[in-house]
């Protein structure tokens, strides 16, 4: 695991964008694993800028997102389908984009389909991750075990509270999500985790120094051969 600490969130976003740009230049038909939330926005803005300047071409790339809420319409402004369109896909020329279907009639079948689609695409070349305050990655919440495949997750109260700011009220926050499993994340050839802010400092500390423990799902990343962690000073303050 490589850990890089930057002065501020803007620098973290730029550093993440450089890694993804290098991946696309090195392998134009890359399979990219993407994330949502506030953490990746700076990275996505930089990728859009480079694409619009003619420096970066995504026309052969395919992307697979980590997760989506269950039961939230794709057109809802808080859905991850809508987030990705607004924050990245509308600004670049990605060949194909994929987000799990949280409204599938058979959610378990959708989990199996999503895993099979990633495998058929050749697997994820570079996976972008944020981290939750409780150490979750994707929506893989603290548990007594690691789940390998894409799964339906009951969101914890801390995750619901963290996502409350995106909705009109707490009652509007979905209680379930469909998420790429730990196995799907660990199968990525490279992983880039970004974290900013003092509220992520404990999760980062427990990921780096604690036991590999499913109560801190991100701790399993210590067993991955190619993980780069990009932090601002606040997120790294307990290291």
Protein backbone atom coordinates (compact mmCIF):
# COMPACT_ATOMS: atom_id res chain seq x y z
CA UNK A 1 0.00 0.00 0.00
CA UNK A 2 1.35 3.41 -0.99
CA UNK A 3 0.12 6.43 0.97
CA UNK A 4 0.45 9.99 -0.30
CA UNK A 5 -0.60 13.00 1.78
CA UNK A 6 -1.51 16.35 0.24
CA UNK A 7 -2.20 19.80 1.58
CA UNK A 8 -5.85 19.93 0.56
CA UNK A 9 -8.74 18.19 -1.16
CA UNK A 10 -8.07 19.88 -4.50
CA UNK A 11 -4.61 18.33 -4.68
CA UNK A 12 -6.03 14.91 -3.78
CA UNK A 13 -8.51 15.16 -6.66
CA UNK A 14 -5.81 16.17 -9.09
CA UNK A 15 -3.54 13.33 -7.99
CA UNK A 16 -6.35 10.80 -8.44
CA UNK A 17 -7.11 12.22 -11.88
CA UNK A 18 -3.46 11.85 -12.88
CA UNK A 19 -3.51 8.17 -11.97
CA UNK A 20 -6.67 7.53 -13.98
CA UNK A 21 -5.42 9.60 -16.92
CA UNK A 22 -2.19 7.58 -16.95
CA UNK A 23 -4.23 4.37 -16.90
CA UNK A 24 -6.32 5.47 -19.90
CA UNK A 25 -3.25 6.63 -21.85
CA UNK A 26 -1.42 3.39 -21.05
CA UNK A 27 -4.44 1.21 -21.92
CA UNK A 28 -7.03 3.07 -24.03
CA UNK A 29 -9.61 0.29 -23.63
CA UNK A 30 -9.39 0.29 -19.82
CA UNK A 31 -12.21 -0.99 -17.62
CA UNK A 32 -12.60 1.67 -14.93
CA UNK A 33 -14.29 1.15 -11.58
CA UNK A 34 -15.92 4.39 -10.47
CA UNK A 35 -17.34 5.78 -7.24
CA UNK A 36 -19.85 8.40 -6.15
CA UNK A 37 -20.14 10.79 -3.23
CA UNK A 38 -18.37 14.09 -2.70
CA UNK A 39 -14.83 12.66 -2.61
CA UNK A 40 -14.42 11.85 -6.35
CA UNK A 41 -15.86 15.13 -7.70
CA UNK A 42 -12.51 16.92 -7.94
CA UNK A 43 -11.02 13.96 -9.78
CA UNK A 44 -13.93 13.88 -12.23
CA UNK A 45 -13.76 17.62 -12.88
CA UNK A 46 -10.08 17.33 -13.76
CA UNK A 47 -10.69 14.37 -16.10
CA UNK A 48 -13.43 16.34 -17.88
CA UNK A 49 -11.10 19.31 -18.26
CA UNK A 50 -8.33 17.22 -19.78
CA UNK A 51 -10.80 15.52 -22.12
CA UNK A 52 -12.27 18.81 -23.28
CA UNK A 53 -8.74 20.14 -23.87
CA UNK A 54 -8.12 17.16 -26.16
CA UNK A 55 -5.55 15.52 -23.88
CA UNK A 56 -7.62 12.51 -22.81
CA UNK A 57 -9.81 10.16 -24.86
CA UNK A 58 -12.24 7.72 -23.21
CA UNK A 59 -13.81 6.46 -26.44
CA UNK A 60 -12.59 2.89 -25.90
CA UNK A 61 -13.13 2.82 -22.12
CA UNK A 62 -15.85 1.02 -20.20
CA UNK A 63 -16.85 1.89 -16.65
CA UNK A 64 -18.61 0.03 -13.84
CA UNK A 65 -19.83 1.89 -10.79
CA UNK A 66 -19.58 0.52 -7.29
CA UNK A 67 -23.14 0.91 -6.15
CA UNK A 68 -26.65 2.34 -6.36
CA UNK A 69 -29.52 2.87 -3.96
CA UNK A 70 -32.32 0.32 -3.98
CA UNK A 71 -35.73 1.65 -4.95
CA UNK A 72 -34.65 5.13 -6.01
CA UNK A 73 -35.62 5.92 -9.62
CA UNK A 74 -32.65 6.39 -11.94
CA UNK A 75 -33.90 9.88 -12.85
CA UNK A 76 -34.03 10.97 -9.20
CA UNK A 77 -31.47 13.70 -8.61
CA UNK A 78 -29.92 11.73 -5.74
CA UNK A 79 -29.56 8.46 -7.65
CA UNK A 80 -26.04 7.43 -8.53
CA UNK A 81 -27.11 7.10 -12.18
CA UNK A 82 -27.97 10.81 -12.12
CA UNK A 83 -24.85 11.71 -10.13
CA UNK A 84 -22.54 10.05 -12.62
CA UNK A 85 -24.23 11.66 -15.60
CA UNK A 86 -23.94 15.10 -14.05
CA UNK A 87 -20.48 14.79 -12.53
CA UNK A 88 -18.65 12.84 -15.24
CA UNK A 89 -20.41 11.04 -18.08
CA UNK A 90 -21.95 14.13 -19.69
CA UNK A 91 -18.49 15.69 -19.93
CA UNK A 92 -16.49 12.86 -21.49
CA UNK A 93 -16.83 10.30 -24.30
CA UNK A 94 -16.91 7.01 -22.39
CA UNK A 95 -17.71 4.09 -24.70
CA UNK A 96 -19.96 2.30 -22.19
CA UNK A 97 -21.07 3.12 -18.66
CA UNK A 98 -22.66 0.73 -16.19
CA UNK A 99 -24.33 1.35 -12.83
CA UNK A 100 -26.10 -1.40 -10.85
CA UNK A 101 -29.88 -1.46 -11.29
CA UNK A 102 -31.38 -0.77 -7.88
CA UNK A 103 -34.87 -1.14 -9.33
CA UNK A 104 -34.45 -4.61 -10.83
CA UNK A 105 -37.43 -6.91 -10.32
CA UNK A 106 -35.03 -9.58 -9.03
CA UNK A 107 -32.25 -7.87 -7.10
CA UNK A 108 -30.33 -11.07 -6.41
CA UNK A 109 -30.29 -11.85 -10.13
CA UNK A 110 -29.07 -8.30 -10.77
CA UNK A 111 -26.16 -8.90 -8.37
CA UNK A 112 -25.13 -12.02 -10.28
CA UNK A 113 -25.58 -10.27 -13.64
CA UNK A 114 -23.40 -7.35 -12.60
CA UNK A 115 -20.55 -9.58 -11.43
CA UNK A 116 -20.76 -11.61 -14.65
CA UNK A 117 -20.69 -8.45 -16.78
CA UNK A 118 -17.51 -7.21 -15.09
CA UNK A 119 -15.88 -10.59 -15.51
CA UNK A 120 -16.89 -10.72 -19.19
CA UNK A 121 -15.34 -7.27 -19.69
CA UNK A 122 -12.01 -8.63 -18.46
CA UNK A 123 -12.20 -7.32 -14.91
CA UNK A 124 -11.60 -3.84 -13.54
CA UNK A 125 -8.20 -2.33 -14.36
CA UNK A 126 -8.35 0.54 -11.88
CA UNK A 127 -10.93 0.95 -9.10
CA UNK A 128 -11.63 4.31 -7.45
CA UNK A 129 -12.81 4.19 -3.84
CA UNK A 130 -13.90 6.60 -1.18
CA UNK A 131 -14.24 5.46 2.42
CA UNK A 132 -17.09 5.83 4.90
CA UNK A 133 -16.68 7.13 8.42
CA UNK A 134 -17.20 3.56 9.62
CA UNK A 135 -14.61 2.19 7.20
CA UNK A 136 -17.00 0.98 4.54
CA UNK A 137 -15.93 0.80 0.90
CA UNK A 138 -18.64 0.76 -1.71
CA UNK A 139 -21.64 0.14 0.50
CA UNK A 140 -19.98 -2.83 2.21
CA UNK A 141 -20.91 -1.95 5.77
CA UNK A 142 -19.24 -3.22 8.98
CA UNK A 143 -20.05 -6.89 9.44
CA UNK A 144 -18.79 -10.12 10.93
CA UNK A 145 -17.59 -11.26 7.50
CA UNK A 146 -16.48 -10.06 4.07
CA UNK A 147 -18.94 -10.65 1.21
CA UNK A 148 -17.35 -11.67 -2.07
CA UNK A 149 -19.97 -10.86 -4.71
CA UNK A 150 -22.24 -7.93 -5.46
CA UNK A 151 -24.84 -7.78 -2.69
CA UNK A 152 -27.89 -6.02 -1.31
CA UNK A 153 -26.88 -4.05 1.78
CA UNK A 154 -28.84 -2.66 4.71
CA UNK A 155 -27.31 0.77 5.28
CA UNK A 156 -26.12 1.58 8.79
CA UNK A 157 -27.35 4.58 10.71
CA UNK A 158 -24.00 6.35 10.31
CA UNK A 159 -24.16 5.94 6.53
CA UNK A 160 -27.75 7.18 6.43
CA UNK A 161 -26.73 10.24 8.45
CA UNK A 162 -23.70 10.86 6.22
CA UNK A 163 -25.92 10.79 3.11
CA UNK A 164 -28.71 12.82 4.70
CA UNK A 165 -27.27 16.07 3.32
CA UNK A 166 -28.12 15.04 -0.25
CA UNK A 167 -31.84 14.55 0.49
CA UNK A 168 -34.67 16.82 1.63
CA UNK A 169 -35.13 14.85 4.84
CA UNK A 170 -33.70 11.83 6.63
CA UNK A 171 -36.83 9.87 5.79
CA UNK A 172 -36.02 10.26 2.08
CA UNK A 173 -32.65 8.51 2.38
CA UNK A 174 -32.92 4.93 1.06
CA UNK A 175 -32.25 2.21 3.59
CA UNK A 176 -30.82 -0.32 1.14
CA UNK A 177 -28.25 -0.29 -1.64
CA UNK A 178 -26.80 -2.67 -4.17
CA UNK A 179 -23.01 -2.75 -3.95
CA UNK A 180 -20.06 -4.42 -5.57
CA UNK A 181 -18.76 -6.88 -3.02
CA UNK A 182 -15.35 -6.99 -1.42
CA UNK A 183 -14.32 -9.70 -3.86
CA UNK A 184 -15.21 -7.50 -6.80
CA UNK A 185 -13.15 -4.65 -5.37
CA UNK A 186 -10.21 -6.89 -4.52
CA UNK A 187 -10.23 -8.39 -8.03
CA UNK A 188 -9.39 -4.97 -9.51
CA UNK A 189 -5.84 -4.87 -10.80
CA UNK A 190 -5.20 -1.53 -9.08
CA UNK A 191 -7.12 0.34 -6.37
CA UNK A 192 -7.03 4.09 -5.70
CA UNK A 193 -8.61 5.20 -2.43
CA UNK A 194 -9.16 8.89 -1.73
CA UNK A 195 -10.16 10.48 1.57
CA UNK A 196 -10.46 14.06 2.70
CA UNK A 197 -11.47 15.64 5.98
CA UNK A 198 -10.96 15.01 9.69
CA UNK A 199 -14.15 12.92 9.86
CA UNK A 200 -12.35 10.24 7.82
CA UNK A 201 -9.21 10.20 9.97
CA UNK A 202 -10.28 7.38 12.30
CA UNK A 203 -11.39 5.18 9.41
CA UNK A 204 -8.07 5.75 7.67
CA UNK A 205 -6.15 4.97 10.86
CA UNK A 206 -8.09 1.73 11.38
CA UNK A 207 -7.63 0.76 7.73
CA UNK A 208 -3.86 1.23 7.85
CA UNK A 209 -2.98 0.12 11.38
CA UNK A 210 -5.78 -2.05 12.71
CA UNK A 211 -6.35 -5.75 12.19
CA UNK A 212 -7.77 -6.93 8.89
CA UNK A 213 -11.29 -7.01 10.23
CA UNK A 214 -14.71 -6.99 8.52
CA UNK A 215 -15.84 -4.43 11.09
CA UNK A 216 -13.56 -2.08 9.08
CA UNK A 217 -14.19 -3.34 5.57
CA UNK A 218 -11.46 -1.16 4.04
CA UNK A 219 -8.83 -2.95 6.14
CA UNK A 220 -8.84 -5.82 3.62
CA UNK A 221 -7.13 -3.49 1.16
CA UNK A 222 -3.89 -4.16 3.06
CA UNK A 223 -3.85 -7.59 1.42
CA UNK A 224 -4.18 -6.17 -2.12
CA UNK A 225 -0.88 -5.91 -4.06
CA UNK A 226 -1.54 -2.55 -5.73
CA UNK A 227 -3.33 0.02 -3.56
CA UNK A 228 -2.61 3.75 -3.63
CA UNK A 229 -4.15 5.88 -0.89
CA UNK A 230 -4.45 9.64 -1.53
CA UNK A 231 -5.23 11.72 1.57
CA UNK A 232 -5.39 15.32 2.60
CA UNK A 233 -3.67 16.31 5.84
CA UNK A 234 -6.90 16.17 7.84
CA UNK A 235 -7.72 12.61 6.77
CA UNK A 236 -4.13 11.57 7.48
CA UNK A 237 -3.97 13.29 10.87
CA UNK A 238 -4.05 10.08 12.92
CA UNK A 239 -1.40 8.25 10.91
